[in-house]
């Protein structure tokens, strides 16, 4: 789920970089592996260990996805 972006570097050249995926609820970084498991079909991560209990991430993610889609 990483997004490739063009980054400006001081040499004036542009290079391709990667941005780690983020939780759409609290904006915390999450790993690629976490995003693969818990992201919805649109690649959005609605819950992470920073903003929900580890045992309930899947449930909270489902609830938040449902709330944002209404």
N, C-alpha and C. Protein backbone atom coordinates (compact mmCIF):
# COMPACT_ATOMS: atom_id res chain seq x y z
N UNK A 1 0.80 -1.18 0.00
CA UNK A 1 0.00 0.00 0.00
C UNK A 1 0.85 1.26 0.00
N UNK A 2 2.13 1.14 -0.22
CA UNK A 2 2.97 2.33 -0.26
C UNK A 2 2.68 3.13 -1.51
N UNK A 3 2.79 4.40 -1.38
CA UNK A 3 2.58 5.29 -2.51
C UNK A 3 3.94 5.77 -2.99
N UNK A 4 4.19 5.67 -4.26
CA UNK A 4 5.44 6.19 -4.79
C UNK A 4 5.25 7.63 -5.18
N UNK A 5 6.19 8.47 -4.76
CA UNK A 5 6.11 9.90 -5.07
C UNK A 5 7.44 10.35 -5.62
N UNK A 6 7.41 11.46 -6.32
CA UNK A 6 8.64 12.07 -6.80
C UNK A 6 9.13 13.03 -5.74
N UNK A 7 10.37 12.88 -5.32
CA UNK A 7 10.94 13.73 -4.28
C UNK A 7 12.01 14.63 -4.88
N UNK A 8 12.02 15.89 -4.49
CA UNK A 8 13.07 16.79 -4.91
C UNK A 8 14.25 16.62 -3.99
N UNK A 9 15.42 16.52 -4.54
CA UNK A 9 16.63 16.41 -3.73
C UNK A 9 17.53 17.59 -4.05
N UNK A 10 18.41 17.99 -3.12
CA UNK A 10 19.22 19.20 -3.31
C UNK A 10 20.04 19.24 -4.59
N UNK A 11 20.34 18.11 -5.19
CA UNK A 11 21.12 18.11 -6.42
C UNK A 11 20.30 18.62 -7.60
N UNK A 12 19.01 18.81 -7.39
CA UNK A 12 18.14 19.26 -8.48
C UNK A 12 17.52 18.11 -9.24
N UNK A 13 17.94 16.89 -8.92
CA UNK A 13 17.36 15.73 -9.58
C UNK A 13 16.12 15.29 -8.84
N UNK A 14 15.26 14.63 -9.54
CA UNK A 14 14.05 14.09 -8.93
C UNK A 14 14.23 12.59 -8.79
N UNK A 15 13.85 12.06 -7.62
CA UNK A 15 13.95 10.61 -7.45
C UNK A 15 12.62 10.08 -6.93
N UNK A 16 12.41 8.80 -7.13
CA UNK A 16 11.18 8.17 -6.67
C UNK A 16 11.40 7.71 -5.24
N UNK A 17 10.46 8.04 -4.36
CA UNK A 17 10.53 7.62 -2.97
C UNK A 17 9.26 6.88 -2.58
N UNK A 18 9.28 6.32 -1.40
CA UNK A 18 8.11 5.60 -0.91
C UNK A 18 7.62 6.25 0.37
N UNK A 19 6.33 6.33 0.51
CA UNK A 19 5.72 6.83 1.73
C UNK A 19 5.01 5.67 2.39
N UNK A 20 5.25 5.51 3.69
CA UNK A 20 4.58 4.43 4.41
C UNK A 20 3.09 4.73 4.50
N UNK A 21 2.27 3.69 4.49
CA UNK A 21 0.83 3.91 4.65
C UNK A 21 0.53 4.48 6.03
N UNK A 22 -0.62 5.15 6.14
CA UNK A 22 -1.01 5.81 7.39
C UNK A 22 -2.43 5.40 7.76
N UNK A 23 -2.71 5.48 9.04
CA UNK A 23 -4.06 5.24 9.55
C UNK A 23 -4.90 6.46 9.17
N UNK A 24 -6.04 6.24 8.55
CA UNK A 24 -6.90 7.34 8.14
C UNK A 24 -7.66 7.95 9.31
N UNK A 25 -7.64 7.27 10.46
CA UNK A 25 -8.34 7.80 11.63
C UNK A 25 -7.44 8.73 12.46
N UNK A 26 -6.22 8.26 12.79
CA UNK A 26 -5.34 9.06 13.65
C UNK A 26 -4.08 9.56 12.93
N UNK A 27 -3.89 9.18 11.68
CA UNK A 27 -2.77 9.62 10.84
C UNK A 27 -1.41 9.06 11.28
N UNK A 28 -1.40 7.97 12.05
CA UNK A 28 -0.15 7.34 12.46
C UNK A 28 0.37 6.44 11.34
N UNK A 29 1.69 6.29 11.28
CA UNK A 29 2.29 5.37 10.30
C UNK A 29 1.93 3.93 10.66
N UNK A 30 1.67 3.13 9.63
CA UNK A 30 1.49 1.69 9.80
C UNK A 30 2.37 0.99 8.78
N UNK A 31 2.73 -0.23 9.03
CA UNK A 31 3.61 -0.97 8.12
C UNK A 31 2.84 -1.44 6.89
N UNK A 32 3.58 -1.78 5.84
CA UNK A 32 2.96 -2.36 4.64
C UNK A 32 2.19 -3.62 4.99
N UNK A 33 2.78 -4.45 5.84
CA UNK A 33 2.15 -5.71 6.24
C UNK A 33 0.83 -5.43 6.97
N UNK A 34 0.83 -4.46 7.89
CA UNK A 34 -0.39 -4.11 8.62
C UNK A 34 -1.46 -3.63 7.64
N UNK A 35 -1.08 -2.79 6.70
CA UNK A 35 -2.03 -2.27 5.71
C UNK A 35 -2.60 -3.40 4.84
N UNK A 36 -1.77 -4.36 4.46
CA UNK A 36 -2.26 -5.49 3.66
C UNK A 36 -3.33 -6.27 4.40
N UNK A 37 -3.17 -6.41 5.72
CA UNK A 37 -4.11 -7.20 6.51
C UNK A 37 -5.37 -6.42 6.85
N UNK A 38 -5.23 -5.17 7.26
CA UNK A 38 -6.35 -4.44 7.83
C UNK A 38 -6.96 -3.36 6.93
N UNK A 39 -6.39 -3.07 5.79
CA UNK A 39 -6.96 -2.04 4.91
C UNK A 39 -8.22 -2.58 4.23
N UNK A 40 -9.13 -1.67 3.89
CA UNK A 40 -10.33 -2.08 3.18
C UNK A 40 -10.03 -2.23 1.69
N UNK A 41 -11.05 -2.47 0.89
CA UNK A 41 -10.84 -2.71 -0.54
C UNK A 41 -10.33 -1.47 -1.27
N UNK A 42 -10.39 -0.31 -0.63
CA UNK A 42 -9.89 0.93 -1.24
C UNK A 42 -8.51 1.30 -0.71
N UNK A 43 -7.93 0.46 0.13
CA UNK A 43 -6.61 0.71 0.68
C UNK A 43 -6.60 1.62 1.90
N UNK A 44 -7.75 1.93 2.46
CA UNK A 44 -7.82 2.79 3.63
C UNK A 44 -7.68 1.97 4.90
N UNK A 45 -6.84 2.44 5.81
CA UNK A 45 -6.67 1.81 7.12
C UNK A 45 -7.43 2.68 8.12
N UNK A 46 -8.51 2.15 8.67
CA UNK A 46 -9.39 2.93 9.55
C UNK A 46 -9.08 2.78 11.02
N UNK A 47 -8.17 1.89 11.40
CA UNK A 47 -7.80 1.70 12.79
C UNK A 47 -6.39 1.12 12.85
N UNK A 48 -5.67 1.47 13.91
CA UNK A 48 -4.31 0.96 14.09
C UNK A 48 -4.05 0.79 15.58
N UNK A 49 -2.91 0.22 15.97
CA UNK A 49 -2.63 0.04 17.40
C UNK A 49 -2.58 1.37 18.18
N UNK A 50 -2.34 2.48 17.50
CA UNK A 50 -2.29 3.77 18.20
C UNK A 50 -3.67 4.28 18.59
N UNK A 51 -4.69 3.96 17.84
CA UNK A 51 -6.01 4.55 18.11
C UNK A 51 -7.08 3.53 18.48
N UNK A 52 -6.72 2.27 18.62
CA UNK A 52 -7.69 1.26 19.05
C UNK A 52 -6.96 0.12 19.76
N UNK A 53 -7.70 -0.63 20.54
CA UNK A 53 -7.11 -1.76 21.26
C UNK A 53 -6.65 -2.82 20.25
N UNK A 54 -5.50 -3.41 20.50
CA UNK A 54 -4.97 -4.42 19.58
C UNK A 54 -5.94 -5.55 19.31
N UNK A 55 -6.68 -5.97 20.33
CA UNK A 55 -7.61 -7.09 20.17
C UNK A 55 -8.80 -6.73 19.30
N UNK A 56 -9.10 -5.43 19.15
CA UNK A 56 -10.30 -5.04 18.42
C UNK A 56 -10.07 -4.25 17.15
N UNK A 57 -8.88 -4.30 16.60
CA UNK A 57 -8.57 -3.49 15.42
C UNK A 57 -9.49 -3.83 14.26
N UNK A 58 -9.71 -5.09 13.99
CA UNK A 58 -10.56 -5.48 12.85
C UNK A 58 -11.99 -4.98 13.05
N UNK A 59 -12.51 -5.11 14.26
CA UNK A 59 -13.88 -4.68 14.52
C UNK A 59 -14.01 -3.16 14.42
N UNK A 60 -13.08 -2.44 15.03
CA UNK A 60 -13.11 -0.97 14.98
C UNK A 60 -12.97 -0.50 13.54
N UNK A 61 -12.09 -1.13 12.80
CA UNK A 61 -11.89 -0.76 11.40
C UNK A 61 -13.18 -0.94 10.60
N UNK A 62 -13.85 -2.06 10.81
CA UNK A 62 -15.13 -2.32 10.13
C UNK A 62 -16.17 -1.26 10.48
N UNK A 63 -16.26 -0.94 11.79
CA UNK A 63 -17.24 0.05 12.23
C UNK A 63 -16.95 1.43 11.62
N UNK A 64 -15.69 1.85 11.64
CA UNK A 64 -15.34 3.17 11.10
C UNK A 64 -15.53 3.21 9.59
N UNK A 65 -15.24 2.11 8.90
CA UNK A 65 -15.46 2.07 7.46
C UNK A 65 -16.95 2.23 7.17
N UNK A 66 -17.78 1.54 7.93
CA UNK A 66 -19.22 1.62 7.74
C UNK A 66 -19.71 3.05 8.01
N UNK A 67 -19.20 3.69 9.06
CA UNK A 67 -19.61 5.06 9.40
C UNK A 67 -19.22 6.06 8.31
N UNK A 68 -18.05 5.91 7.71
CA UNK A 68 -17.61 6.87 6.69
C UNK A 68 -18.31 6.65 5.36
N UNK A 69 -18.84 5.47 5.13
CA UNK A 69 -19.50 5.17 3.86
C UNK A 69 -20.97 5.62 3.85
N UNK A 70 -21.53 5.93 5.03
CA UNK A 70 -22.95 6.32 5.11
C UNK A 70 -23.17 7.72 4.65
